[in-house]
Amino acid sequence: MATKPQAPKQVPKSFIQVARSGNPQSTPRFSPASAHLEYESLFRLCDMFPDLPMEKVLAMYQSGFGASASPNREDAVSSGVSRTPKMTMYGPTRHQVLILLNTPTVEVIMANATTAVEFCNRGLVETHSKLRVESVHKAWDGIFMFTNFVASAAELEVIKQWLKKVIGLAASTVMEPCLPQSKSFLKILGVPY
């Protein structure tokens, strides 16, 4: 009676061994459907920017889809990089404080923007807060201040009090700083043009 040849026993590999050797099954395979979708999105980009030269459109396309976005399919297949766009981030940035004010007050603050930043930071330092105001900008019916962290309610109160000192407003003047509340957003990152 003939015996079957035994398959060699596979020794379990550690995660590091597998990562170092590479997994040939994880490399993306060429499929006509994926190529069609890539070229279709490239053509849409060309339609959106008809005045740009093709080199700039390709650079924009590749910056949005990473190194895998290449008109040369051999380069795209061998790179093994995921094809998800890198242009948006999750959630609106809440690293800002919005303050609604009337137009003359906004003009006074914008004329003294560096002083406003310094005063607000001085007040935050005195309360032992790690929050810092980085810049002040005019927006809609007021101003917004970029901060290094998300401000708490106590920090919003400190900013309000010290901002009133900058522009010489009475303590009874109504000024309510708040955080952004929007749920819909689109933040584009890393577009070279």
N, C-alpha and C. Protein backbone atom coordinates (compact mmCIF):
# COMPACT_ATOMS: atom_id res chain seq x y z
N MET A 1 0.82 -1.16 0.00
CA MET A 1 0.00 0.00 0.00
C MET A 1 0.88 1.25 0.00
N ALA A 2 0.57 2.18 -0.90
CA ALA A 2 1.38 3.39 -1.05
C ALA A 2 0.95 4.41 -0.01
N THR A 3 1.89 5.09 0.53
CA THR A 3 1.58 6.12 1.52
C THR A 3 1.62 7.48 0.85
N LYS A 4 0.75 8.34 1.33
CA LYS A 4 0.72 9.71 0.80
C LYS A 4 1.91 10.48 1.33
N PRO A 5 2.47 11.35 0.47
CA PRO A 5 3.56 12.18 1.00
C PRO A 5 2.98 13.20 1.98
N GLN A 6 3.62 13.35 3.09
CA GLN A 6 3.16 14.28 4.13
C GLN A 6 3.61 15.70 3.77
N ALA A 7 2.68 16.64 3.95
CA ALA A 7 3.02 18.05 3.74
C ALA A 7 3.90 18.50 4.89
N PRO A 8 4.90 19.34 4.59
CA PRO A 8 5.77 19.79 5.68
C PRO A 8 4.97 20.61 6.69
N LYS A 9 5.28 20.43 7.96
CA LYS A 9 4.59 21.16 9.01
C LYS A 9 4.99 22.63 8.94
N GLN A 10 3.99 23.49 9.04
CA GLN A 10 4.29 24.92 9.04
C GLN A 10 4.53 25.38 10.46
N VAL A 11 5.65 26.00 10.65
CA VAL A 11 5.99 26.53 11.96
C VAL A 11 5.30 27.89 12.08
N PRO A 12 4.58 28.15 13.15
CA PRO A 12 3.93 29.45 13.29
C PRO A 12 4.96 30.57 13.33
N LYS A 13 4.65 31.65 12.62
CA LYS A 13 5.56 32.78 12.57
C LYS A 13 5.05 33.88 13.49
N SER A 14 5.98 34.64 14.00
CA SER A 14 5.58 35.77 14.82
C SER A 14 5.14 36.92 13.90
N PHE A 15 4.51 37.90 14.50
CA PHE A 15 4.04 39.06 13.74
C PHE A 15 5.21 39.77 13.06
N ILE A 16 6.33 39.88 13.75
CA ILE A 16 7.51 40.57 13.20
C ILE A 16 8.07 39.82 12.00
N GLN A 17 8.12 38.48 12.09
CA GLN A 17 8.62 37.69 10.97
C GLN A 17 7.74 37.86 9.74
N VAL A 18 6.44 37.87 9.93
CA VAL A 18 5.53 38.05 8.81
C VAL A 18 5.67 39.44 8.22
N ALA A 19 5.79 40.44 9.08
CA ALA A 19 5.91 41.82 8.60
C ALA A 19 7.21 42.03 7.83
N ARG A 20 8.29 41.41 8.30
CA ARG A 20 9.58 41.56 7.62
C ARG A 20 9.61 40.84 6.28
N SER A 21 8.98 39.67 6.23
CA SER A 21 9.03 38.90 4.99
C SER A 21 8.06 39.44 3.96
N GLY A 22 7.05 40.15 4.39
CA GLY A 22 6.04 40.66 3.46
C GLY A 22 5.04 39.57 3.17
N ASN A 23 3.83 39.97 2.89
CA ASN A 23 2.79 39.00 2.60
C ASN A 23 2.41 39.15 1.14
N PRO A 24 2.78 38.20 0.28
CA PRO A 24 2.48 38.36 -1.14
C PRO A 24 0.98 38.37 -1.42
N GLN A 25 0.18 37.84 -0.51
CA GLN A 25 -1.27 37.83 -0.75
C GLN A 25 -1.89 39.18 -0.47
N SER A 26 -1.17 40.08 0.25
CA SER A 26 -1.75 41.36 0.59
C SER A 26 -1.55 42.42 -0.50
N THR A 27 -0.73 42.14 -1.51
CA THR A 27 -0.52 43.13 -2.56
C THR A 27 -1.76 43.20 -3.43
N PRO A 28 -2.19 44.41 -3.80
CA PRO A 28 -3.40 44.54 -4.59
C PRO A 28 -3.21 43.95 -5.98
N ARG A 29 -4.20 43.32 -6.47
CA ARG A 29 -4.17 42.74 -7.81
C ARG A 29 -4.77 43.75 -8.80
N PHE A 30 -4.29 43.71 -10.01
CA PHE A 30 -4.83 44.59 -11.04
C PHE A 30 -6.21 44.09 -11.45
N SER A 31 -7.14 44.99 -11.43
CA SER A 31 -8.47 44.65 -11.93
C SER A 31 -8.92 45.77 -12.85
N PRO A 32 -9.51 45.44 -13.98
CA PRO A 32 -9.96 46.48 -14.89
C PRO A 32 -10.95 47.44 -14.26
N ALA A 33 -11.77 46.94 -13.33
CA ALA A 33 -12.76 47.81 -12.70
C ALA A 33 -12.10 48.90 -11.87
N SER A 34 -11.04 48.54 -11.10
CA SER A 34 -10.38 49.56 -10.29
C SER A 34 -9.64 50.56 -11.17
N ALA A 35 -9.05 50.07 -12.26
CA ALA A 35 -8.36 50.99 -13.19
C ALA A 35 -9.36 51.96 -13.81
N HIS A 36 -10.54 51.45 -14.14
CA HIS A 36 -11.57 52.30 -14.74
C HIS A 36 -11.99 53.39 -13.77
N LEU A 37 -12.17 53.05 -12.48
CA LEU A 37 -12.56 54.05 -11.49
C LEU A 37 -11.47 55.09 -11.28
N GLU A 38 -10.21 54.65 -11.27
CA GLU A 38 -9.12 55.61 -11.10
C GLU A 38 -9.05 56.59 -12.26
N TYR A 39 -9.14 56.06 -13.47
CA TYR A 39 -9.06 56.95 -14.63
C TYR A 39 -10.30 57.84 -14.73
N GLU A 40 -11.44 57.35 -14.32
CA GLU A 40 -12.65 58.17 -14.34
C GLU A 40 -12.52 59.34 -13.38
N SER A 41 -11.97 59.10 -12.19
CA SER A 41 -11.79 60.20 -11.23
C SER A 41 -10.73 61.19 -11.73
N LEU A 42 -9.73 60.71 -12.44
CA LEU A 42 -8.73 61.60 -13.02
C LEU A 42 -9.35 62.47 -14.11
N PHE A 43 -10.22 61.89 -14.93
CA PHE A 43 -10.89 62.67 -15.98
C PHE A 43 -11.81 63.71 -15.36
N ARG A 44 -12.48 63.37 -14.27
CA ARG A 44 -13.34 64.36 -13.59
C ARG A 44 -12.52 65.53 -13.09
N LEU A 45 -11.34 65.23 -12.55
CA LEU A 45 -10.47 66.29 -12.06
C LEU A 45 -10.01 67.18 -13.21
N CYS A 46 -9.75 66.59 -14.37
CA CYS A 46 -9.37 67.38 -15.55
C CYS A 46 -10.53 68.27 -16.00
N ASP A 47 -11.76 67.77 -15.87
CA ASP A 47 -12.92 68.58 -16.24
C ASP A 47 -13.13 69.74 -15.28
N MET A 48 -12.81 69.52 -13.99
CA MET A 48 -13.00 70.59 -13.00
C MET A 48 -11.99 71.71 -13.16
N PHE A 49 -10.77 71.36 -13.63
CA PHE A 49 -9.70 72.34 -13.79
C PHE A 49 -9.19 72.31 -15.23
N PRO A 50 -9.97 72.82 -16.18
CA PRO A 50 -9.55 72.72 -17.58
C PRO A 50 -8.36 73.61 -17.92
N ASP A 51 -8.10 74.65 -17.12
CA ASP A 51 -7.01 75.57 -17.44
C ASP A 51 -5.66 75.11 -16.92
N LEU A 52 -5.65 74.15 -16.00
CA LEU A 52 -4.38 73.68 -15.44
C LEU A 52 -3.66 72.74 -16.41
N PRO A 53 -2.34 72.81 -16.47
CA PRO A 53 -1.59 71.85 -17.29
C PRO A 53 -1.72 70.44 -16.69
N MET A 54 -1.54 69.45 -17.53
CA MET A 54 -1.75 68.06 -17.11
C MET A 54 -0.82 67.65 -15.97
N GLU A 55 0.41 68.19 -15.93
CA GLU A 55 1.34 67.84 -14.86
C GLU A 55 0.79 68.26 -13.50
N LYS A 56 0.18 69.45 -13.44
CA LYS A 56 -0.37 69.94 -12.18
C LYS A 56 -1.61 69.15 -11.78
N VAL A 57 -2.42 68.76 -12.75
CA VAL A 57 -3.60 67.95 -12.45
C VAL A 57 -3.17 66.59 -11.90
N LEU A 58 -2.14 65.99 -12.52
CA LEU A 58 -1.63 64.71 -12.02
C LEU A 58 -1.05 64.85 -10.62
N ALA A 59 -0.34 65.95 -10.35
CA ALA A 59 0.22 66.16 -9.02
C ALA A 59 -0.90 66.31 -7.99
N MET A 60 -1.96 67.02 -8.36
CA MET A 60 -3.09 67.18 -7.47
C MET A 60 -3.77 65.84 -7.21
N TYR A 61 -3.92 65.04 -8.25
CA TYR A 61 -4.55 63.72 -8.13
C TYR A 61 -3.71 62.81 -7.25
N GLN A 62 -2.40 62.82 -7.45
CA GLN A 62 -1.52 61.96 -6.67
C GLN A 62 -1.43 62.41 -5.22
N SER A 63 -1.52 63.72 -4.96
CA SER A 63 -1.48 64.17 -3.57
C SER A 63 -2.76 63.79 -2.85
N GLY A 64 -3.86 63.68 -3.58
CA GLY A 64 -5.12 63.29 -2.95
C GLY A 64 -5.25 61.82 -2.71
N PHE A 65 -4.66 60.99 -3.56
CA PHE A 65 -4.82 59.55 -3.44
C PHE A 65 -3.53 58.84 -3.09
N GLY A 66 -2.51 59.59 -2.73
CA GLY A 66 -1.26 58.98 -2.28
C GLY A 66 -0.41 58.46 -3.42
N ALA A 67 0.59 57.69 -3.08
CA ALA A 67 1.54 57.19 -4.07
C ALA A 67 0.92 56.16 -5.00
N SER A 68 -0.22 55.58 -4.60
CA SER A 68 -0.83 54.55 -5.44
C SER A 68 -1.52 55.14 -6.66
N ALA A 69 -1.78 56.46 -6.64
CA ALA A 69 -2.44 57.08 -7.77
C ALA A 69 -1.41 57.37 -8.84
N SER A 70 -1.28 56.50 -9.77
CA SER A 70 -0.27 56.65 -10.81
C SER A 70 -0.86 56.20 -12.13
N PRO A 71 -0.61 56.94 -13.22
CA PRO A 71 -1.10 56.49 -14.50
C PRO A 71 -0.41 55.20 -14.94
N ASN A 72 0.75 54.91 -14.39
CA ASN A 72 1.47 53.69 -14.72
C ASN A 72 1.00 52.59 -13.77
N ARG A 73 0.26 51.61 -14.27
CA ARG A 73 -0.36 50.58 -13.44
C ARG A 73 0.67 49.71 -12.72
N GLU A 74 1.83 49.46 -13.30
CA GLU A 74 2.81 48.62 -12.64
C GLU A 74 3.27 49.27 -11.34
N ASP A 75 3.49 50.61 -11.36
CA ASP A 75 3.90 51.31 -10.15
C ASP A 75 2.80 51.26 -9.11
N ALA A 76 1.55 51.41 -9.56
CA ALA A 76 0.43 51.44 -8.62
C ALA A 76 0.23 50.09 -7.96
N VAL A 77 0.37 49.01 -8.70
CA VAL A 77 0.15 47.68 -8.13
C VAL A 77 1.27 47.32 -7.18
N SER A 78 2.51 47.65 -7.51
CA SER A 78 3.62 47.24 -6.67
C SER A 78 3.75 48.07 -5.41
N SER A 79 3.12 49.26 -5.35
CA SER A 79 3.29 50.10 -4.18
C SER A 79 2.60 49.53 -2.96
N GLY A 80 1.43 48.89 -3.12
CA GLY A 80 0.73 48.29 -2.01
C GLY A 80 0.12 49.30 -1.05
N VAL A 81 0.00 50.56 -1.43
CA VAL A 81 -0.55 51.59 -0.57
C VAL A 81 -2.06 51.63 -0.76
N SER A 82 -2.79 51.90 0.33
CA SER A 82 -4.26 51.95 0.21
C SER A 82 -4.68 53.11 -0.68
N ARG A 83 -5.85 53.02 -1.25
CA ARG A 83 -6.31 54.01 -2.21
C ARG A 83 -7.34 54.96 -1.62
N THR A 84 -7.35 55.17 -0.33
CA THR A 84 -8.30 56.10 0.26
C THR A 84 -7.76 57.51 0.18
N PRO A 85 -8.60 58.48 -0.14
CA PRO A 85 -8.14 59.87 -0.23
C PRO A 85 -7.68 60.39 1.13
N LYS A 86 -6.70 61.30 1.11
CA LYS A 86 -6.16 61.87 2.34
C LYS A 86 -6.60 63.32 2.51
N MET A 87 -7.72 63.71 1.92
CA MET A 87 -8.04 65.13 1.86
C MET A 87 -8.96 65.62 2.97
N THR A 88 -9.62 64.77 3.70
CA THR A 88 -10.53 65.25 4.73
C THR A 88 -10.14 64.66 6.08
N MET A 89 -10.63 65.28 7.13
CA MET A 89 -10.40 64.78 8.47
C MET A 89 -11.72 64.61 9.17
N TYR A 90 -11.75 63.89 10.28
CA TYR A 90 -12.98 63.61 10.98
C TYR A 90 -13.34 64.76 11.90
N GLY A 91 -14.49 65.32 11.75
CA GLY A 91 -15.01 66.34 12.65
C GLY A 91 -14.47 67.72 12.40
N PRO A 92 -15.28 68.74 12.73
CA PRO A 92 -14.80 70.12 12.60
C PRO A 92 -13.80 70.42 13.70
N THR A 93 -12.90 71.33 13.44
CA THR A 93 -11.93 71.69 14.46
C THR A 93 -12.63 72.55 15.50
N ARG A 94 -12.46 72.19 16.74
CA ARG A 94 -13.04 72.97 17.84
C ARG A 94 -11.93 73.73 18.56
N HIS A 95 -10.78 73.85 17.91
CA HIS A 95 -9.67 74.60 18.49
C HIS A 95 -9.81 76.07 18.16
N GLN A 96 -11.00 76.59 18.33
CA GLN A 96 -11.22 78.01 18.11
C GLN A 96 -12.35 78.47 19.01
N VAL A 97 -12.36 79.77 19.28
CA VAL A 97 -13.38 80.38 20.10
C VAL A 97 -14.06 81.44 19.24
N LEU A 98 -15.38 81.37 19.15
CA LEU A 98 -16.15 82.34 18.37
C LEU A 98 -16.77 83.37 19.31
N ILE A 99 -16.68 84.65 18.94
CA ILE A 99 -17.25 85.72 19.76
C ILE A 99 -18.01 86.66 18.83
N LEU A 100 -19.32 86.79 19.05
CA LEU A 100 -20.15 87.70 18.26
C LEU A 100 -20.04 89.11 18.85
N LEU A 101 -19.74 90.09 17.99
CA LEU A 101 -19.57 91.48 18.41
C LEU A 101 -20.12 92.40 17.34
N ASN A 102 -20.33 93.66 17.71
CA ASN A 102 -20.74 94.63 16.69
C ASN A 102 -19.51 95.10 15.91
N THR A 103 -19.73 95.70 14.75
CA THR A 103 -18.64 96.03 13.83
C THR A 103 -17.59 96.97 14.41
N PRO A 104 -17.96 98.07 15.10
CA PRO A 104 -16.90 98.94 15.63
C PRO A 104 -15.99 98.22 16.63
N THR A 105 -16.57 97.35 17.46
CA THR A 105 -15.77 96.61 18.43
C THR A 105 -14.82 95.65 17.73
N VAL A 106 -15.30 95.02 16.66
CA VAL A 106 -14.45 94.10 15.90
C VAL A 106 -13.26 94.86 15.31
N GLU A 107 -13.50 96.04 14.78
CA GLU A 107 -12.42 96.84 14.20
C GLU A 107 -11.38 97.21 15.25
N VAL A 108 -11.82 97.54 16.47
CA VAL A 108 -10.88 97.89 17.55
C VAL A 108 -10.03 96.67 17.90
N ILE A 109 -10.66 95.51 18.00
CA ILE A 109 -9.90 94.29 18.35
C ILE A 109 -8.92 93.95 17.24
N MET A 110 -9.34 94.05 15.98
CA MET A 110 -8.44 93.70 14.88
C MET A 110 -7.28 94.67 14.78
N ALA A 111 -7.50 95.93 15.16
CA ALA A 111 -6.39 96.89 15.16
C ALA A 111 -5.38 96.56 16.26
N ASN A 112 -5.85 95.91 17.32
CA ASN A 112 -4.98 95.54 18.45
C ASN A 112 -4.93 94.01 18.59
N ALA A 113 -4.80 93.30 17.48
CA ALA A 113 -4.88 91.83 17.49
C ALA A 113 -3.77 91.20 18.34
N THR A 114 -2.54 91.67 18.20
CA THR A 114 -1.45 91.07 18.97
C THR A 114 -1.63 91.35 20.46
N THR A 115 -2.11 92.53 20.80
CA THR A 115 -2.37 92.85 22.20
C THR A 115 -3.47 91.97 22.75
N ALA A 116 -4.50 91.72 21.93
CA ALA A 116 -5.61 90.86 22.37
C ALA A 116 -5.11 89.44 22.66
N VAL A 117 -4.24 88.92 21.79
CA VAL A 117 -3.68 87.59 22.00
C VAL A 117 -2.85 87.57 23.27
N GLU A 118 -2.00 88.59 23.46
CA GLU A 118 -1.15 88.64 24.65
C GLU A 118 -1.96 88.73 25.94
N PHE A 119 -3.01 89.57 25.94
CA PHE A 119 -3.83 89.73 27.14
C PHE A 119 -4.57 88.43 27.47
N CYS A 120 -5.15 87.81 26.46
CA CYS A 120 -5.88 86.56 26.71
C CYS A 120 -4.94 85.48 27.23
N ASN A 121 -3.75 85.39 26.66
CA ASN A 121 -2.78 84.40 27.13
C ASN A 121 -2.30 84.71 28.55
N ARG A 122 -2.17 86.00 28.87
CA ARG A 122 -1.77 86.38 30.23
C ARG A 122 -2.83 85.92 31.24
N GLY A 123 -4.09 86.14 30.90
CA GLY A 123 -5.16 85.69 31.78
C GLY A 123 -5.19 84.18 31.93
N LEU A 124 -4.94 83.47 30.83
CA LEU A 124 -4.94 82.00 30.89
C LEU A 124 -3.76 81.48 31.71
N VAL A 125 -2.60 82.15 31.62
CA VAL A 125 -1.44 81.74 32.40
C VAL A 125 -1.71 81.98 33.89
N GLU A 126 -2.35 83.09 34.23
CA GLU A 126 -2.64 83.39 35.63
C GLU A 126 -3.59 82.37 36.26
N THR A 127 -4.44 81.75 35.44
CA THR A 127 -5.36 80.72 35.96
C THR A 127 -4.76 79.33 35.82
N HIS A 128 -3.50 79.24 35.48
CA HIS A 128 -2.76 77.97 35.34
C HIS A 128 -3.38 77.06 34.29
N SER A 129 -3.88 77.64 33.23
CA SER A 129 -4.47 76.87 32.13
C SER A 129 -3.38 76.57 31.10
N LYS A 130 -3.52 75.45 30.42
CA LYS A 130 -2.58 75.10 29.34
C LYS A 130 -3.06 75.63 27.99
N LEU A 131 -4.27 76.15 27.95
CA LEU A 131 -4.83 76.71 26.72
C LEU A 131 -4.10 78.00 26.37
N ARG A 132 -3.80 78.19 25.08
CA ARG A 132 -3.19 79.43 24.60
C ARG A 132 -3.91 79.87 23.34
N VAL A 133 -4.11 81.18 23.22
CA VAL A 133 -4.68 81.76 22.01
C VAL A 133 -3.52 81.98 21.05
N GLU A 134 -3.66 81.48 19.83
CA GLU A 134 -2.58 81.59 18.85
C GLU A 134 -2.77 82.78 17.91
N SER A 135 -4.03 83.08 17.54
CA SER A 135 -4.27 84.20 16.63
C SER A 135 -5.73 84.63 16.72
N VAL A 136 -5.98 85.85 16.25
CA VAL A 136 -7.33 86.42 16.23
C VAL A 136 -7.65 86.80 14.79
N HIS A 137 -8.87 86.46 14.34
CA HIS A 137 -9.29 86.77 12.98
C HIS A 137 -10.71 87.31 12.97
N LYS A 138 -10.98 88.16 12.00
CA LYS A 138 -12.32 88.71 11.80
C LYS A 138 -13.16 87.66 11.08
N ALA A 139 -14.40 87.46 11.54
CA ALA A 139 -15.27 86.47 10.91
C ALA A 139 -16.73 86.88 11.11
N TRP A 140 -17.50 86.82 10.04
CA TRP A 140 -18.93 87.08 10.05
C TRP A 140 -19.29 88.30 10.88
N ASP A 141 -20.02 88.13 11.97
CA ASP A 141 -20.41 89.25 12.83
C ASP A 141 -19.60 89.27 14.11
N GLY A 142 -18.34 89.04 14.02
CA GLY A 142 -17.51 89.02 15.21
C GLY A 142 -16.09 88.60 14.90
N ILE A 143 -15.47 87.89 15.85
CA ILE A 143 -14.11 87.42 15.69
C ILE A 143 -14.05 85.93 16.05
N PHE A 144 -12.97 85.29 15.62
CA PHE A 144 -12.68 83.96 16.13
C PHE A 144 -11.20 83.88 16.46
N MET A 145 -10.91 83.12 17.51
CA MET A 145 -9.55 82.98 18.01
C MET A 145 -9.14 81.53 17.87
N PHE A 146 -8.00 81.29 17.24
CA PHE A 146 -7.46 79.93 17.16
C PHE A 146 -6.73 79.64 18.48
N THR A 147 -6.96 78.43 19.01
CA THR A 147 -6.33 78.02 20.26
C THR A 147 -5.58 76.71 20.05
N ASN A 148 -4.74 76.36 21.02
CA ASN A 148 -3.99 75.11 20.88
C ASN A 148 -4.78 73.90 21.36
N PHE A 149 -5.80 74.08 22.19
CA PHE A 149 -6.66 73.01 22.67
C PHE A 149 -8.11 73.46 22.58
N VAL A 150 -9.02 72.58 22.90
CA VAL A 150 -10.44 72.94 22.98
C VAL A 150 -10.65 73.63 24.31
N ALA A 151 -11.27 74.81 24.29
CA ALA A 151 -11.45 75.60 25.50
C ALA A 151 -12.59 75.05 26.36
N SER A 152 -12.40 75.10 27.66
CA SER A 152 -13.45 74.71 28.60
C SER A 152 -14.31 75.95 28.90
N ALA A 153 -15.37 75.76 29.66
CA ALA A 153 -16.26 76.88 30.02
C ALA A 153 -15.51 77.90 30.87
N ALA A 154 -14.67 77.44 31.79
CA ALA A 154 -13.90 78.36 32.63
C ALA A 154 -12.90 79.16 31.79
N GLU A 155 -12.28 78.50 30.83
CA GLU A 155 -11.32 79.19 29.96
C GLU A 155 -12.02 80.20 29.05
N LEU A 156 -13.23 79.90 28.61
CA LEU A 156 -14.00 80.86 27.82
C LEU A 156 -14.31 82.11 28.65
N GLU A 157 -14.59 81.92 29.92
CA GLU A 157 -14.87 83.06 30.81
C GLU A 157 -13.61 83.92 30.99
N VAL A 158 -12.45 83.29 31.12
CA VAL A 158 -11.19 84.03 31.26
C VAL A 158 -10.92 84.83 29.99
N ILE A 159 -11.12 84.21 28.83
CA ILE A 159 -10.90 84.92 27.56
C ILE A 159 -11.83 86.12 27.47
N LYS A 160 -13.07 85.94 27.86
CA LYS A 160 -14.05 87.04 27.80
C LYS A 160 -13.60 88.21 28.69
N GLN A 161 -13.21 87.92 29.93
CA GLN A 161 -12.81 88.98 30.86
C GLN A 161 -11.57 89.73 30.37
N TRP A 162 -10.58 89.02 29.88
CA TRP A 162 -9.35 89.67 29.45
C TRP A 162 -9.52 90.37 28.10
N LEU A 163 -10.40 89.90 27.26
CA LEU A 163 -10.67 90.59 26.00
C LEU A 163 -11.38 91.91 26.27
N LYS A 164 -12.23 91.95 27.28
CA LYS A 164 -12.89 93.21 27.66
C LYS A 164 -11.87 94.23 28.15
N LYS A 165 -10.80 93.76 28.80
CA LYS A 165 -9.75 94.67 29.27
C LYS A 165 -8.99 95.28 28.10
N VAL A 166 -8.80 94.52 27.03
CA VAL A 166 -8.07 95.02 25.86
C VAL A 166 -8.82 96.17 25.21
N ILE A 167 -10.11 96.00 25.02
CA ILE A 167 -10.86 97.01 24.27
C ILE A 167 -11.55 98.01 25.18
N GLY A 168 -11.38 97.87 26.50
CA GLY A 168 -11.92 98.84 27.43
C GLY A 168 -13.43 98.80 27.56
N LEU A 169 -14.03 97.63 27.45
CA LEU A 169 -15.48 97.51 27.63
C LEU A 169 -15.82 97.39 29.11
N ALA A 170 -16.98 97.86 29.47
CA ALA A 170 -17.45 97.72 30.85
C ALA A 170 -17.72 96.24 31.14
N ALA A 171 -17.63 95.88 32.40
CA ALA A 171 -17.84 94.48 32.79
C ALA A 171 -19.27 94.03 32.51
N SER A 172 -20.20 94.99 32.44
CA SER A 172 -21.60 94.63 32.22
C SER A 172 -21.92 94.40 30.73
N THR A 173 -21.00 94.72 29.83
CA THR A 173 -21.22 94.55 28.40
C THR A 173 -21.37 93.06 28.08
N VAL A 174 -22.38 92.75 27.25
CA VAL A 174 -22.65 91.36 26.90
C VAL A 174 -21.69 90.92 25.79
N MET A 175 -20.92 89.88 26.08
CA MET A 175 -20.02 89.27 25.10
C MET A 175 -19.93 87.80 25.48
N GLU A 176 -20.43 86.93 24.64
CA GLU A 176 -20.46 85.50 24.96
C GLU A 176 -19.59 84.69 24.01
N PRO A 177 -18.39 84.31 24.43
CA PRO A 177 -17.58 83.42 23.61
C PRO A 177 -18.17 82.00 23.63
N CYS A 178 -18.04 81.31 22.50
CA CYS A 178 -18.55 79.94 22.42
C CYS A 178 -17.66 79.12 21.49
N LEU A 179 -17.85 77.82 21.54
CA LEU A 179 -17.13 76.90 20.67
C LEU A 179 -17.96 76.64 19.42
N PRO A 180 -17.35 76.24 18.31
CA PRO A 180 -18.12 75.90 17.11
C PRO A 180 -19.06 74.73 17.39
N GLN A 181 -20.27 74.81 16.84
CA GLN A 181 -21.27 73.77 17.06
C GLN A 181 -21.65 73.04 15.79
N SER A 182 -21.05 73.38 14.68
CA SER A 182 -21.44 72.82 13.39
C SER A 182 -21.18 71.32 13.32
N LYS A 183 -22.10 70.61 12.68
CA LYS A 183 -21.93 69.17 12.46
C LYS A 183 -21.56 68.87 11.02
N SER A 184 -21.68 69.84 10.13
CA SER A 184 -21.33 69.59 8.73
C SER A 184 -20.09 70.41 8.39
N PHE A 185 -19.17 69.81 7.69
CA PHE A 185 -17.90 70.45 7.43
C PHE A 185 -17.21 69.75 6.28
N LEU A 186 -16.20 70.40 5.75
CA LEU A 186 -15.27 69.79 4.81
C LEU A 186 -13.97 70.54 4.98
N LYS A 187 -12.98 69.86 5.47
CA LYS A 187 -11.67 70.47 5.65
C LYS A 187 -10.72 69.79 4.68
N ILE A 188 -10.15 70.55 3.78
CA ILE A 188 -9.26 70.01 2.75
C ILE A 188 -7.83 70.21 3.22
N LEU A 189 -7.08 69.12 3.23
CA LEU A 189 -5.70 69.15 3.69
C LEU A 189 -4.75 68.76 2.56
N GLY A 190 -3.63 69.38 2.50
CA GLY A 190 -2.55 68.95 1.62
C GLY A 190 -2.78 69.13 0.13
N VAL A 191 -3.61 70.08 -0.28
CA VAL A 191 -3.79 70.33 -1.72
C VAL A 191 -2.69 71.31 -2.13
N PRO A 192 -1.87 70.95 -3.10
CA PRO A 192 -0.71 71.78 -3.42
C PRO A 192 -1.04 73.06 -4.20
N TYR A 193 -2.25 73.24 -4.67
CA TYR A 193 -2.54 74.43 -5.47
C TYR A 193 -3.67 75.22 -4.88
